């Protein structure tokens, strides 16, 4: 099956956020058509074609950021993991959230857990069927 491209955004309202592609059928990367702004450079990291991380660089420093990304795969649904914020020890972290939007759907994680990662998993997420 030919490779398909799905453009999306990862928006964070916290001191950090992370999106991971957990299914083996694709790659997750920064969108080359929409590079991150100069002020965001150094705060966004993409690794291993599976992970994008954004951070303010300062713990408990709430901010908002939107990072354009691209999923390349065979057109089958993908699995993702979204993490954000901290463990809730600081009042502002309890307000943390992160959202991924792609394939005509939105996946919002505003859960705060005591483990510091606040991970939520989303499975069988549809991607765009057309290039």
Protein backbone atom coordinates (compact mmCIF):
# COMPACT_ATOMS: atom_id res chain seq x y z
CA UNK A 1 0.00 0.00 0.00
CA UNK A 2 1.41 3.45 -0.85
CA UNK A 3 2.48 5.88 1.85
CA UNK A 4 -0.10 8.44 3.01
CA UNK A 5 0.49 11.78 4.71
CA UNK A 6 -1.75 13.07 7.48
CA UNK A 7 -1.14 16.61 8.72
CA UNK A 8 -2.06 17.47 12.29
CA UNK A 9 -1.39 19.72 15.25
CA UNK A 10 -0.26 19.00 18.79
CA UNK A 11 -1.35 21.74 21.19
CA UNK A 12 -0.12 21.89 24.78
CA UNK A 13 -1.25 23.99 27.74
CA UNK A 14 1.25 23.08 30.45
CA UNK A 15 4.98 23.17 31.17
CA UNK A 16 5.61 20.25 28.78
CA UNK A 17 3.81 17.84 26.49
CA UNK A 18 4.62 14.77 24.44
CA UNK A 19 2.96 12.79 21.68
CA UNK A 20 4.14 9.31 20.70
CA UNK A 21 3.15 7.13 17.77
CA UNK A 22 2.88 3.73 19.48
CA UNK A 23 1.75 1.64 16.52
CA UNK A 24 4.43 0.18 14.23
CA UNK A 25 2.74 1.20 10.98
CA UNK A 26 4.11 4.69 10.46
CA UNK A 27 6.27 7.67 11.34
CA UNK A 28 5.57 10.82 13.36
CA UNK A 29 7.60 13.93 12.53
CA UNK A 30 7.52 17.71 12.56
CA UNK A 31 5.64 18.99 9.51
CA UNK A 32 8.22 20.30 7.02
CA UNK A 33 5.53 22.42 5.30
CA UNK A 34 4.86 24.29 8.56
CA UNK A 35 8.13 24.62 10.49
CA UNK A 36 8.02 25.67 14.13
CA UNK A 37 8.55 29.37 14.75
CA UNK A 38 11.96 30.69 15.69
CA UNK A 39 10.76 31.33 19.25
CA UNK A 40 9.80 27.63 19.53
CA UNK A 41 13.11 26.28 18.26
CA UNK A 42 15.01 24.59 21.04
CA UNK A 43 11.74 23.87 22.86
CA UNK A 44 10.52 21.22 20.39
CA UNK A 45 12.27 17.90 19.84
CA UNK A 46 11.34 15.13 17.42
CA UNK A 47 13.07 11.76 17.87
CA UNK A 48 13.07 8.28 16.33
CA UNK A 49 10.18 9.11 13.96
CA UNK A 50 7.84 8.28 16.85
CA UNK A 51 8.01 11.11 19.42
CA UNK A 52 7.53 14.88 19.57
CA UNK A 53 8.21 16.71 22.85
CA UNK A 54 7.63 20.38 23.72
CA UNK A 55 8.78 22.05 26.93
CA UNK A 56 8.88 25.54 28.39
CA UNK A 57 12.24 24.65 29.91
CA UNK A 58 10.98 25.68 33.35
CA UNK A 59 9.05 23.36 35.64
CA UNK A 60 5.64 24.67 36.68
CA UNK A 61 5.74 27.44 34.06
CA UNK A 62 2.43 27.17 32.21
CA UNK A 63 2.35 28.19 28.56
CA UNK A 64 0.54 27.26 25.36
CA UNK A 65 2.14 25.96 22.19
CA UNK A 66 0.92 24.46 18.92
CA UNK A 67 3.25 22.18 16.96
CA UNK A 68 2.37 21.09 13.40
CA UNK A 69 3.18 17.44 12.74
CA UNK A 70 2.93 14.84 10.03
CA UNK A 71 2.06 11.15 10.21
CA UNK A 72 3.35 9.06 7.31
CA UNK A 73 1.84 5.59 7.07
CA UNK A 74 -0.07 3.16 4.86
CA UNK A 75 -3.48 4.69 5.58
CA UNK A 76 -4.41 2.32 8.41
CA UNK A 77 -5.49 3.74 11.80
CA UNK A 78 -2.69 4.52 14.27
CA UNK A 79 -2.23 4.32 18.04
CA UNK A 80 -0.90 7.32 19.96
CA UNK A 81 0.05 8.25 23.51
CA UNK A 82 -0.35 11.82 24.79
CA UNK A 83 1.37 13.07 27.97
CA UNK A 84 1.53 16.48 29.63
CA UNK A 85 2.30 18.48 32.72
CA UNK A 86 3.43 17.22 36.06
CA UNK A 87 2.13 15.10 38.91
CA UNK A 88 -0.27 17.62 40.41
CA UNK A 89 1.97 18.71 43.28
CA UNK A 90 1.74 22.30 42.02
CA UNK A 91 -1.69 23.94 41.61
CA UNK A 92 -0.97 25.20 38.09
CA UNK A 93 0.00 21.72 36.86
CA UNK A 94 -3.46 20.44 37.71
CA UNK A 95 -4.66 22.61 34.84
CA UNK A 96 -2.34 20.97 32.28
CA UNK A 97 -3.63 19.44 29.05
CA UNK A 98 -2.51 18.41 25.57
CA UNK A 99 -4.51 17.77 22.38
CA UNK A 100 -3.67 16.11 19.09
CA UNK A 101 -5.83 16.85 16.05
CA UNK A 102 -5.54 14.84 12.85
CA UNK A 103 -7.65 12.76 10.49
CA UNK A 104 -10.77 14.85 11.23
CA UNK A 105 -10.61 13.92 14.95
CA UNK A 106 -9.39 15.48 18.18
CA UNK A 107 -7.76 13.62 21.09
CA UNK A 108 -7.61 15.67 24.30
CA UNK A 109 -5.78 14.56 27.42
CA UNK A 110 -6.60 16.73 30.43
CA UNK A 111 -6.15 13.94 32.97
CA UNK A 112 -3.87 14.55 35.96
CA UNK A 113 -2.40 11.46 37.61
CA UNK A 114 0.02 11.22 40.51
CA UNK A 115 2.75 9.60 38.38
CA UNK A 116 4.09 12.78 36.77
CA UNK A 117 3.44 11.74 33.16
CA UNK A 118 -0.36 11.88 32.86
CA UNK A 119 -0.28 9.43 29.95
CA UNK A 120 -3.42 8.58 28.00
CA UNK A 121 -3.53 6.08 25.13
CA UNK A 122 -5.73 6.39 22.04
CA UNK A 123 -6.08 3.41 19.71
CA UNK A 124 -7.29 2.93 16.15
CA UNK A 125 -7.16 6.67 15.38
CA UNK A 126 -8.16 7.25 11.74
CA UNK A 127 -5.74 9.07 9.45
CA UNK A 128 -6.44 10.92 6.22
CA UNK A 129 -7.15 8.56 3.33
CA UNK A 130 -6.17 11.04 0.62
CA UNK A 131 -2.81 12.69 0.00
